[in-house]
Amino acid sequence: GIITTVLATMVRVEEMREINAYTATMVWIYSIVWFLIQDCVKVCAYAAIDCFSVVDRKGYLSVVQNKPKTPMDVNITRAYSHSLKIAISKVSSRKPLPNISSLS
């Protein structure tokens, strides 16, 4: 954010030169303008979705509210450990690579 911008305009690293304040300001202005444009498009999209009843809001809320409460990290850990077990079983079932020195 602001601290890194200040550092980028003031600190000189060995192989890099600092950027000038004009460039930093233009990057901030560019980012803020595109943020505002994207946010307006998002708000208009939500309004269109509500206006044309693209999504059944009551149905969606009932699904979300009735969903069982489980900690997300438990599911991620299960998925990771499952994929890790599959990867280990694939590696352990491979034939060993031939010794390159014995081929010559």
PDB file of N, CA and C in Angstrom:
ATOM      1  N   GLY A   1       0.770  -1.157   0.000  1.00  0.00           N
ATOM      2  CA  GLY A   1       0.000   0.000   0.000  1.00  0.00           C
ATOM      3  C   GLY A   1       0.840   1.263   0.000  1.00  0.00           C
ATOM      4  N   ILE A   2       0.495   2.124   0.868  1.00  0.00           N
ATOM      5  CA  ILE A   2       1.126   3.445   0.905  1.00  0.00           C
ATOM      6  C   ILE A   2       2.584   3.340   1.353  1.00  0.00           C
ATOM      7  N   ILE A   3       2.844   2.481   2.332  1.00  0.00           N
ATOM      8  CA  ILE A   3       4.228   2.340   2.830  1.00  0.00           C
ATOM      9  C   ILE A   3       5.135   1.818   1.731  1.00  0.00           C
ATOM     10  N   THR A   4       4.683   0.807   0.980  1.00  0.00           N
ATOM     11  CA  THR A   4       5.524   0.274  -0.090  1.00  0.00           C
ATOM     12  C   THR A   4       5.702   1.287  -1.217  1.00  0.00           C
ATOM     13  N   THR A   5       4.696   2.119  -1.450  1.00  0.00           N
ATOM     14  CA  THR A   5       4.842   3.166  -2.462  1.00  0.00           C
ATOM     15  C   THR A   5       5.894   4.176  -2.035  1.00  0.00           C
ATOM     16  N   VAL A   6       5.850   4.569  -0.770  1.00  0.00           N
ATOM     17  CA  VAL A   6       6.853   5.515  -0.256  1.00  0.00           C
ATOM     18  C   VAL A   6       8.246   4.898  -0.352  1.00  0.00           C
ATOM     19  N   LEU A   7       8.361   3.625   0.034  1.00  0.00           N
ATOM     20  CA  LEU A   7       9.664   2.963  -0.053  1.00  0.00           C
ATOM     21  C   LEU A   7      10.139   2.870  -1.502  1.00  0.00           C
ATOM     22  N   ALA A   8       9.237   2.573  -2.418  1.00  0.00           N
ATOM     23  CA  ALA A   8       9.620   2.454  -3.828  1.00  0.00           C
ATOM     24  C   ALA A   8      10.088   3.773  -4.406  1.00  0.00           C
ATOM     25  N   THR A   9       9.580   4.877  -3.875  1.00  0.00           N
ATOM     26  CA  THR A   9       9.994   6.178  -4.406  1.00  0.00           C
ATOM     27  C   THR A   9      11.243   6.716  -3.713  1.00  0.00           C
ATOM     28  N   MET A  10      11.617   6.165  -2.568  1.00  0.00           N
ATOM     29  CA  MET A  10      12.732   6.734  -1.815  1.00  0.00           C
ATOM     30  C   MET A  10      13.957   5.825  -1.701  1.00  0.00           C
ATOM     31  N   VAL A  11      13.768   4.532  -1.747  1.00  0.00           N
ATOM     32  CA  VAL A  11      14.865   3.605  -1.477  1.00  0.00           C
ATOM     33  C   VAL A  11      15.488   3.152  -2.791  1.00  0.00           C
ATOM     34  N   ARG A  12      16.787   3.112  -2.791  1.00  0.00           N
ATOM     35  CA  ARG A  12      17.512   2.625  -3.963  1.00  0.00           C
ATOM     36  C   ARG A  12      18.177   1.297  -3.595  1.00  0.00           C
ATOM     37  N   VAL A  13      17.832   0.257  -4.357  1.00  0.00           N
ATOM     38  CA  VAL A  13      18.429  -1.057  -4.184  1.00  0.00           C
ATOM     39  C   VAL A  13      19.526  -1.172  -5.225  1.00  0.00           C
ATOM     40  N   GLU A  14      20.506  -2.031  -4.991  1.00  0.00           N
ATOM     41  CA  GLU A  14      21.697  -2.108  -5.838  1.00  0.00           C
ATOM     42  C   GLU A  14      21.400  -2.067  -7.332  1.00  0.00           C
ATOM     43  N   GLU A  15      20.608  -3.010  -7.825  1.00  0.00           N
ATOM     44  CA  GLU A  15      20.416  -3.131  -9.260  1.00  0.00           C
ATOM     45  C   GLU A  15      19.141  -2.454  -9.757  1.00  0.00           C
ATOM     46  N   MET A  16      18.361  -1.904  -8.840  1.00  0.00           N
ATOM     47  CA  MET A  16      17.108  -1.263  -9.228  1.00  0.00           C
ATOM     48  C   MET A  16      17.176   0.220  -8.885  1.00  0.00           C
ATOM     49  N   ARG A  17      16.518   1.017  -9.682  1.00  0.00           N
ATOM     50  CA  ARG A  17      16.448   2.434  -9.338  1.00  0.00           C
ATOM     51  C   ARG A  17      15.049   2.740  -8.822  1.00  0.00           C
ATOM     52  N   GLU A  18      14.938   3.741  -7.988  1.00  0.00           N
ATOM     53  CA  GLU A  18      13.628   4.082  -7.422  1.00  0.00           C
ATOM     54  C   GLU A  18      12.747   4.707  -8.506  1.00  0.00           C
ATOM     55  N   ILE A  19      11.429   4.601  -8.313  1.00  0.00           N
ATOM     56  CA  ILE A  19      10.517   5.232  -9.256  1.00  0.00           C
ATOM     57  C   ILE A  19      10.244   6.655  -8.771  1.00  0.00           C
ATOM     58  N   ASN A  20       9.862   7.510  -9.690  1.00  0.00           N
ATOM     59  CA  ASN A  20       9.596   8.888  -9.269  1.00  0.00           C
ATOM     60  C   ASN A  20       8.171   8.998  -8.729  1.00  0.00           C
ATOM     61  N   ALA A  21       7.884  10.088  -8.050  1.00  0.00           N
ATOM     62  CA  ALA A  21       6.585  10.281  -7.411  1.00  0.00           C
ATOM     63  C   ALA A  21       5.467  10.376  -8.442  1.00  0.00           C
ATOM     64  N   TYR A  22       5.753  10.915  -9.617  1.00  0.00           N
ATOM     65  CA  TYR A  22       4.737  11.013 -10.666  1.00  0.00           C
ATOM     66  C   TYR A  22       4.258   9.623 -11.087  1.00  0.00           C
ATOM     67  N   THR A  23       5.196   8.718 -11.297  1.00  0.00           N
ATOM     68  CA  THR A  23       4.838   7.355 -11.698  1.00  0.00           C
ATOM     69  C   THR A  23       4.017   6.670 -10.614  1.00  0.00           C
ATOM     70  N   ALA A  24       4.427   6.819  -9.365  1.00  0.00           N
ATOM     71  CA  ALA A  24       3.685   6.215  -8.255  1.00  0.00           C
ATOM     72  C   ALA A  24       2.266   6.779  -8.171  1.00  0.00           C
ATOM     73  N   THR A  25       2.140   8.086  -8.359  1.00  0.00           N
ATOM     74  CA  THR A  25       0.818   8.721  -8.317  1.00  0.00           C
ATOM     75  C   THR A  25      -0.060   8.226  -9.453  1.00  0.00           C
ATOM     76  N   MET A  26       0.498   8.105 -10.645  1.00  0.00           N
ATOM     77  CA  MET A  26      -0.282   7.633 -11.787  1.00  0.00           C
ATOM     78  C   MET A  26      -0.740   6.184 -11.587  1.00  0.00           C
ATOM     79  N   VAL A  27       0.095   5.365 -10.988  1.00  0.00           N
ATOM     80  CA  VAL A  27      -0.300   3.980 -10.701  1.00  0.00           C
ATOM     81  C   VAL A  27      -1.457   3.956  -9.710  1.00  0.00           C
ATOM     82  N   TRP A  28      -1.393   4.787  -8.665  1.00  0.00           N
ATOM     83  CA  TRP A  28      -2.486   4.864  -7.696  1.00  0.00           C
ATOM     84  C   TRP A  28      -3.776   5.350  -8.353  1.00  0.00           C
ATOM     85  N   ILE A  29      -3.685   6.384  -9.180  1.00  0.00           N
ATOM     86  CA  ILE A  29      -4.879   6.907  -9.850  1.00  0.00           C
ATOM     87  C   ILE A  29      -5.478   5.850 -10.780  1.00  0.00           C
ATOM     88  N   TYR A  30      -4.636   5.181 -11.546  1.00  0.00           N
ATOM     89  CA  TYR A  30      -5.083   4.122 -12.445  1.00  0.00           C
ATOM     90  C   TYR A  30      -5.804   3.018 -11.662  1.00  0.00           C
ATOM     91  N   SER A  31      -5.222   2.602 -10.548  1.00  0.00           N
ATOM     92  CA  SER A  31      -5.824   1.535  -9.740  1.00  0.00           C
ATOM     93  C   SER A  31      -7.163   1.961  -9.151  1.00  0.00           C
ATOM     94  N   ILE A  32      -7.238   3.169  -8.649  1.00  0.00           N
ATOM     95  CA  ILE A  32      -8.485   3.650  -8.036  1.00  0.00           C
ATOM     96  C   ILE A  32      -9.583   3.803  -9.087  1.00  0.00           C
ATOM     97  N   VAL A  33      -9.234   4.337 -10.273  1.00  0.00           N
ATOM     98  CA  VAL A  33     -10.237   4.498 -11.332  1.00  0.00           C
ATOM     99  C   VAL A  33     -10.797   3.134 -11.742  1.00  0.00           C
ATOM    100  N   TRP A  34      -9.927   2.147 -11.962  1.00  0.00           N
ATOM    101  CA  TRP A  34     -10.417   0.827 -12.360  1.00  0.00           C
ATOM    102  C   TRP A  34     -11.175   0.140 -11.230  1.00  0.00           C
ATOM    103  N   PHE A  35     -10.798   0.389  -9.991  1.00  0.00           N
ATOM    104  CA  PHE A  35     -11.569  -0.144  -8.856  1.00  0.00           C
ATOM    105  C   PHE A  35     -12.991   0.400  -8.897  1.00  0.00           C
ATOM    106  N   LEU A  36     -13.131   1.706  -9.111  1.00  0.00           N
ATOM    107  CA  LEU A  36     -14.461   2.319  -9.147  1.00  0.00           C
ATOM    108  C   LEU A  36     -15.292   1.799 -10.319  1.00  0.00           C
ATOM    109  N   ILE A  37     -14.656   1.644 -11.479  1.00  0.00           N
ATOM    110  CA  ILE A  37     -15.369   1.113 -12.646  1.00  0.00           C
ATOM    111  C   ILE A  37     -15.853  -0.309 -12.367  1.00  0.00           C
ATOM    112  N   GLN A  38     -14.975  -1.162 -11.847  1.00  0.00           N
ATOM    113  CA  GLN A  38     -15.356  -2.545 -11.564  1.00  0.00           C
ATOM    114  C   GLN A  38     -16.435  -2.627 -10.501  1.00  0.00           C
ATOM    115  N   ASP A  39     -16.360  -1.759  -9.501  1.00  0.00           N
ATOM    116  CA  ASP A  39     -17.371  -1.778  -8.452  1.00  0.00           C
ATOM    117  C   ASP A  39     -18.726  -1.357  -8.998  1.00  0.00           C
ATOM    118  N   CYS A  40     -18.758  -0.358  -9.873  1.00  0.00           N
ATOM    119  CA  CYS A  40     -20.032   0.058 -10.488  1.00  0.00           C
ATOM    120  C   CYS A  40     -20.607  -1.070 -11.343  1.00  0.00           C
ATOM    121  N   VAL A  41     -19.768  -1.750 -12.097  1.00  0.00           N
ATOM    122  CA  VAL A  41     -20.240  -2.875 -12.917  1.00  0.00           C
ATOM    123  C   VAL A  41     -20.788  -3.981 -12.019  1.00  0.00           C
ATOM    124  N   LYS A  42     -20.123  -4.248 -10.910  1.00  0.00           N
ATOM    125  CA  LYS A  42     -20.583  -5.276  -9.972  1.00  0.00           C
ATOM    126  C   LYS A  42     -21.948  -4.914  -9.399  1.00  0.00           C
ATOM    127  N   VAL A  43     -22.121  -3.669  -8.975  1.00  0.00           N
ATOM    128  CA  VAL A  43     -23.393  -3.230  -8.397  1.00  0.00           C
ATOM    129  C   VAL A  43     -24.500  -3.321  -9.448  1.00  0.00           C
ATOM    130  N   CYS A  44     -24.207  -2.915 -10.683  1.00  0.00           N
ATOM    131  CA  CYS A  44     -25.196  -3.011 -11.758  1.00  0.00           C
ATOM    132  C   CYS A  44     -25.548  -4.473 -12.065  1.00  0.00           C
ATOM    133  N   ALA A  45     -24.552  -5.343 -12.016  1.00  0.00           N
ATOM    134  CA  ALA A  45     -24.813  -6.765 -12.262  1.00  0.00           C
ATOM    135  C   ALA A  45     -25.707  -7.335 -11.169  1.00  0.00           C
ATOM    136  N   TYR A  46     -25.434  -7.000  -9.909  1.00  0.00           N
ATOM    137  CA  TYR A  46     -26.288  -7.469  -8.811  1.00  0.00           C
ATOM    138  C   TYR A  46     -27.705  -6.936  -8.967  1.00  0.00           C
ATOM    139  N   ALA A  47     -27.844  -5.681  -9.382  1.00  0.00           N
ATOM    140  CA  ALA A  47     -29.176  -5.105  -9.574  1.00  0.00           C
ATOM    141  C   ALA A  47     -29.915  -5.824 -10.703  1.00  0.00           C
ATOM    142  N   ALA A  48     -29.208  -6.145 -11.788  1.00  0.00           N
ATOM    143  CA  ALA A  48     -29.831  -6.859 -12.901  1.00  0.00           C
ATOM    144  C   ALA A  48     -30.237  -8.268 -12.480  1.00  0.00           C
ATOM    145  N   ILE A  49     -29.405  -8.922 -11.700  1.00  0.00           N
ATOM    146  CA  ILE A  49     -29.734 -10.270 -11.213  1.00  0.00           C
ATOM    147  C   ILE A  49     -30.984 -10.219 -10.352  1.00  0.00           C
ATOM    148  N   ASP A  50     -31.081  -9.221  -9.470  1.00  0.00           N
ATOM    149  CA  ASP A  50     -32.273  -9.071  -8.632  1.00  0.00           C
ATOM    150  C   ASP A  50     -33.494  -8.694  -9.458  1.00  0.00           C
ATOM    151  N   CYS A  51     -33.321  -7.803 -10.429  1.00  0.00           N
ATOM    152  CA  CYS A  51     -34.442  -7.303 -11.230  1.00  0.00           C
ATOM    153  C   CYS A  51     -35.059  -8.412 -12.079  1.00  0.00           C
ATOM    154  N   PHE A  52     -34.217  -9.234 -12.693  1.00  0.00           N
ATOM    155  CA  PHE A  52     -34.708 -10.274 -13.590  1.00  0.00           C
ATOM    156  C   PHE A  52     -34.886 -11.621 -12.911  1.00  0.00           C
ATOM    157  N   SER A  53     -34.700 -11.671 -11.598  1.00  0.00           N
ATOM    158  CA  SER A  53     -34.867 -12.907 -10.811  1.00  0.00           C
ATOM    159  C   SER A  53     -34.066 -14.064 -11.392  1.00  0.00           C
ATOM    160  N   VAL A  54     -32.816 -13.795 -11.699  1.00  0.00           N
ATOM    161  CA  VAL A  54     -31.941 -14.830 -12.242  1.00  0.00           C
ATOM    162  C   VAL A  54     -31.661 -15.892 -11.183  1.00  0.00           C
ATOM    163  N   VAL A  55     -31.517 -15.462  -9.948  1.00  0.00           N
ATOM    164  CA  VAL A  55     -31.228 -16.367  -8.838  1.00  0.00           C
ATOM    165  C   VAL A  55     -32.404 -16.356  -7.887  1.00  0.00           C
ATOM    166  N   ASP A  56     -32.819 -17.543  -7.464  1.00  0.00           N
ATOM    167  CA  ASP A  56     -33.875 -17.665  -6.464  1.00  0.00           C
ATOM    168  C   ASP A  56     -33.253 -17.386  -5.104  1.00  0.00           C
ATOM    169  N   ARG A  57     -33.371 -16.150  -4.639  1.00  0.00           N
ATOM    170  CA  ARG A  57     -32.700 -15.725  -3.420  1.00  0.00           C
ATOM    171  C   ARG A  57     -33.173 -16.515  -2.202  1.00  0.00           C
ATOM    172  N   LYS A  58     -34.482 -16.734  -2.078  1.00  0.00           N
ATOM    173  CA  LYS A  58     -34.999 -17.471  -0.921  1.00  0.00           C
ATOM    174  C   LYS A  58     -34.503 -18.908  -0.930  1.00  0.00           C
ATOM    175  N   GLY A  59     -34.490 -19.523  -2.105  1.00  0.00           N
ATOM    176  CA  GLY A  59     -33.981 -20.895  -2.211  1.00  0.00           C
ATOM    177  C   GLY A  59     -32.507 -20.970  -1.873  1.00  0.00           C
ATOM    178  N   TYR A  60     -31.752 -20.000  -2.366  1.00  0.00           N
ATOM    179  CA  TYR A  60     -30.316 -19.970  -2.072  1.00  0.00           C
ATOM    180  C   TYR A  60     -30.074 -19.799  -0.581  1.00  0.00           C
ATOM    181  N   LEU A  61     -30.795 -18.875   0.048  1.00  0.00           N
ATOM    182  CA  LEU A  61     -30.608 -18.643   1.477  1.00  0.00           C
ATOM    183  C   LEU A  61     -31.003 -19.867   2.295  1.00  0.00           C
ATOM    184  N   SER A  62     -32.042 -20.586   1.881  1.00  0.00           N
ATOM    185  CA  SER A  62     -32.426 -21.782   2.629  1.00  0.00           C
ATOM    186  C   SER A  62     -31.357 -22.860   2.518  1.00  0.00           C
ATOM    187  N   VAL A  63     -30.724 -22.975   1.356  1.00  0.00           N
ATOM    188  CA  VAL A  63     -29.643 -23.948   1.194  1.00  0.00           C
ATOM    189  C   VAL A  63     -28.456 -23.562   2.067  1.00  0.00           C
ATOM    190  N   VAL A  64     -28.098 -22.298   2.040  1.00  0.00           N
ATOM    191  CA  VAL A  64     -26.940 -21.839   2.812  1.00  0.00           C
ATOM    192  C   VAL A  64     -27.202 -21.971   4.311  1.00  0.00           C
ATOM    193  N   GLN A  65     -28.393 -21.629   4.759  1.00  0.00           N
ATOM    194  CA  GLN A  65     -28.689 -21.684   6.189  1.00  0.00           C
ATOM    195  C   GLN A  65     -28.816 -23.113   6.693  1.00  0.00           C
ATOM    196  N   ASN A  66     -29.219 -24.043   5.851  1.00  0.00           N
ATOM    197  CA  ASN A  66     -29.380 -25.431   6.265  1.00  0.00           C
ATOM    198  C   ASN A  66     -28.132 -26.273   6.037  1.00  0.00           C
ATOM    199  N   LYS A  67     -27.104 -25.680   5.492  1.00  0.00           N
ATOM    200  CA  LYS A  67     -25.860 -26.400   5.241  1.00  0.00           C
ATOM    201  C   LYS A  67     -25.216 -26.765   6.565  1.00  0.00           C
ATOM    202  N   PRO A  68     -24.727 -27.999   6.701  1.00  0.00           N
ATOM    203  CA  PRO A  68     -24.079 -28.381   7.961  1.00  0.00           C
ATOM    204  C   PRO A  68     -22.835 -27.533   8.213  1.00  0.00           C
ATOM    205  N   LYS A  69     -22.645 -27.178   9.445  1.00  0.00           N
ATOM    206  CA  LYS A  69     -21.522 -26.322   9.816  1.00  0.00           C
ATOM    207  C   LYS A  69     -20.300 -27.184  10.098  1.00  0.00           C
ATOM    208  N   THR A  70     -19.341 -27.135   9.209  1.00  0.00           N
ATOM    209  CA  THR A  70     -18.071 -27.831   9.413  1.00  0.00           C
ATOM    210  C   THR A  70     -16.947 -26.843   9.192  1.00  0.00           C
ATOM    211  N   PRO A  71     -15.912 -26.951   9.974  1.00  0.00           N
ATOM    212  CA  PRO A  71     -14.778 -26.049   9.764  1.00  0.00           C
ATOM    213  C   PRO A  71     -14.139 -26.310   8.401  1.00  0.00           C
ATOM    214  N   MET A  72     -13.856 -25.247   7.694  1.00  0.00           N
ATOM    215  CA  MET A  72     -13.313 -25.391   6.355  1.00  0.00           C
ATOM    216  C   MET A  72     -11.950 -26.061   6.374  1.00  0.00           C
ATOM    217  N   ASP A  73     -11.150 -25.787   7.386  1.00  0.00           N
ATOM    218  CA  ASP A  73      -9.805 -26.348   7.391  1.00  0.00           C
ATOM    219  C   ASP A  73      -9.836 -27.866   7.516  1.00  0.00           C
ATOM    220  N   VAL A  74     -10.876 -28.434   8.123  1.00  0.00           N
ATOM    221  CA  VAL A  74     -10.989 -29.887   8.215  1.00  0.00           C
ATOM    222  C   VAL A  74     -11.175 -30.470   6.821  1.00  0.00           C
ATOM    223  N   ASN A  75     -12.051 -29.880   6.031  1.00  0.00           N
ATOM    224  CA  ASN A  75     -12.276 -30.373   4.672  1.00  0.00           C
ATOM    225  C   ASN A  75     -11.034 -30.210   3.809  1.00  0.00           C
ATOM    226  N   ILE A  76     -10.344 -29.099   3.941  1.00  0.00           N
ATOM    227  CA  ILE A  76      -9.130 -28.871   3.156  1.00  0.00           C
ATOM    228  C   ILE A  76      -8.061 -29.880   3.549  1.00  0.00           C
ATOM    229  N   THR A  77      -7.932 -30.138   4.854  1.00  0.00           N
ATOM    230  CA  THR A  77      -6.940 -31.100   5.319  1.00  0.00           C
ATOM    231  C   THR A  77      -7.252 -32.493   4.797  1.00  0.00           C
ATOM    232  N   ARG A  78      -8.519 -32.872   4.809  1.00  0.00           N
ATOM    233  CA  ARG A  78      -8.904 -34.185   4.281  1.00  0.00           C
ATOM    234  C   ARG A  78      -8.576 -34.294   2.807  1.00  0.00           C
ATOM    235  N   ALA A  79      -8.915 -33.266   2.035  1.00  0.00           N
ATOM    236  CA  ALA A  79      -8.648 -33.289   0.592  1.00  0.00           C
ATOM    237  C   ALA A  79      -7.158 -33.346   0.324  1.00  0.00           C
ATOM    238  N   TYR A  80      -6.382 -32.570   1.080  1.00  0.00           N
ATOM    239  CA  TYR A  80      -4.935 -32.563   0.891  1.00  0.00           C
ATOM    240  C   TYR A  80      -4.331 -33.913   1.244  1.00  0.00           C
ATOM    241  N   SER A  81      -4.734 -34.481   2.372  1.00  0.00           N
ATOM    242  CA  SER A  81      -4.155 -35.760   2.778  1.00  0.00           C
ATOM    243  C   SER A  81      -4.552 -36.858   1.804  1.00  0.00           C
ATOM    244  N   HIS A  82      -5.775 -36.798   1.260  1.00  0.00           N
ATOM    245  CA  HIS A  82      -6.207 -37.794   0.284  1.00  0.00           C
ATOM    246  C   HIS A  82      -5.365 -37.687  -0.982  1.00  0.00           C
ATOM    247  N   SER A  83      -5.162 -36.474  -1.501  1.00  0.00           N
ATOM    248  CA  SER A  83      -4.372 -36.309  -2.719  1.00  0.00           C
ATOM    249  C   SER A  83      -2.907 -36.659  -2.468  1.00  0.00           C
ATOM    250  N   LEU A  84      -2.430 -36.404  -1.263  1.00  0.00           N
ATOM    251  CA  LEU A  84      -1.051 -36.761  -0.918  1.00  0.00           C
ATOM    252  C   LEU A  84      -0.888 -38.276  -0.892  1.00  0.00           C
ATOM    253  N   LYS A  85      -1.873 -38.993  -0.343  1.00  0.00           N
ATOM    254  CA  LYS A  85      -1.819 -40.466  -0.328  1.00  0.00           C
ATOM    255  C   LYS A  85      -1.814 -41.020  -1.742  1.00  0.00           C
ATOM    256  N   ILE A  86      -2.615 -40.427  -2.628  1.00  0.00           N
ATOM    257  CA  ILE A  86      -2.646 -40.884  -4.022  1.00  0.00           C
ATOM    258  C   ILE A  86      -1.299 -40.648  -4.683  1.00  0.00           C
ATOM    259  N   ALA A  87      -0.716 -39.473  -4.461  1.00  0.00           N
ATOM    260  CA  ALA A  87       0.581 -39.156  -5.069  1.00  0.00           C
ATOM    261  C   ALA A  87       1.662 -40.091  -4.565  1.00  0.00           C
ATOM    262  N   ILE A  88       1.655 -40.392  -3.265  1.00  0.00           N
ATOM    263  CA  ILE A  88       2.666 -41.291  -2.693  1.00  0.00           C
ATOM    264  C   ILE A  88       2.491 -42.695  -3.252  1.00  0.00           C
ATOM    265  N   SER A  89       1.245 -43.152  -3.386  1.00  0.00           N
ATOM    266  CA  SER A  89       1.028 -44.498  -3.911  1.00  0.00           C
ATOM    267  C   SER A  89       1.471 -44.596  -5.368  1.00  0.00           C
ATOM    268  N   LYS A  90       1.294 -43.512  -6.145  1.00  0.00           N
ATOM    269  CA  LYS A  90       1.747 -43.531  -7.534  1.00  0.00           C
ATOM    270  C   LYS A  90       3.263 -43.576  -7.617  1.00  0.00           C
ATOM    271  N   VAL A  91       3.923 -42.806  -6.759  1.00  0.00           N
ATOM    272  CA  VAL A  91       5.384 -42.780  -6.781  1.00  0.00           C
ATOM    273  C   VAL A  91       5.948 -44.110  -6.299  1.00  0.00           C
ATOM    274  N   SER A  92       5.378 -44.684  -5.255  1.00  0.00           N
ATOM    275  CA  SER A  92       5.911 -45.929  -4.712  1.00  0.00           C
ATOM    276  C   SER A  92       5.636 -47.120  -5.625  1.00  0.00           C
ATOM    277  N   SER A  93       4.639 -47.031  -6.513  1.00  0.00           N
ATOM    278  CA  SER A  93       4.331 -48.151  -7.403  1.00  0.00           C
ATOM    279  C   SER A  93       5.154 -48.110  -8.687  1.00  0.00           C
ATOM    280  N   ARG A  94       5.925 -47.062  -8.904  1.00  0.00           N
ATOM    281  CA  ARG A  94       6.757 -46.968 -10.108  1.00  0.00           C
ATOM    282  C   ARG A  94       7.955 -47.897  -9.996  1.00  0.00           C
ATOM    283  N   LYS A  95       8.427 -48.310 -11.164  1.00  0.00           N
ATOM    284  CA  LYS A  95       9.656 -49.095 -11.195  1.00  0.00           C
ATOM    285  C   LYS A  95      10.826 -48.140 -10.939  1.00  0.00           C
ATOM    286  N   PRO A  96      11.871 -48.603 -10.280  1.00  0.00           N
ATOM    287  CA  PRO A  96      13.009 -47.713 -10.048  1.00  0.00           C
ATOM    288  C   PRO A  96      13.678 -47.354 -11.376  1.00  0.00           C
ATOM    289  N   LEU A  97      14.214 -46.145 -11.438  1.00  0.00           N
ATOM    290  CA  LEU A  97      14.915 -45.692 -12.624  1.00  0.00           C
ATOM    291  C   LEU A  97      16.233 -46.436 -12.762  1.00  0.00           C
ATOM    292  N   PRO A  98      16.626 -46.732 -14.003  1.00  0.00           N
ATOM    293  CA  PRO A  98      17.906 -47.441 -14.168  1.00  0.00           C
ATOM    294  C   PRO A  98      19.082 -46.531 -13.810  1.00  0.00           C
ATOM    295  N   ASN A  99      20.152 -47.153 -13.359  1.00  0.00           N
ATOM    296  CA  ASN A  99      21.362 -46.413 -13.025  1.00  0.00           C
ATOM    297  C   ASN A  99      22.044 -46.015 -14.332  1.00  0.00           C
ATOM    298  N   ILE A 100      22.297 -44.742 -14.520  1.00  0.00           N
ATOM    299  CA  ILE A 100      22.866 -44.253 -15.775  1.00  0.00           C
ATOM    300  C   ILE A 100      24.274 -44.794 -15.984  1.00  0.00           C
ATOM    301  N   SER A 101      25.039 -44.941 -14.949  1.00  0.00           N
ATOM    302  CA  SER A 101      26.416 -45.412 -15.099  1.00  0.00           C
ATOM    303  C   SER A 101      26.469 -46.866 -15.545  1.00  0.00           C
ATOM    304  N   SER A 102      25.422 -47.647 -15.262  1.00  0.00           N
ATOM    305  CA  SER A 102      25.440 -49.048 -15.654  1.00  0.00           C
ATOM    306  C   SER A 102      25.001 -49.228 -17.101  1.00  0.00           C
ATOM    307  N   LEU A 103      24.478 -48.203 -17.746  1.00  0.00           N
ATOM    308  CA  LEU A 103      24.022 -48.313 -19.120  1.00  0.00           C
ATOM    309  C   LEU A 103      25.173 -48.235 -20.122  1.00  0.00           C
ATOM    310  N   SER A 104      26.283 -47.665 -19.755  1.00  0.00           N
ATOM    311  CA  SER A 104      27.368 -47.498 -20.723  1.00  0.00           C
ATOM    312  C   SER A 104      28.304 -48.661 -20.762  1.00  0.00           C
TER     313      SER A 104
END
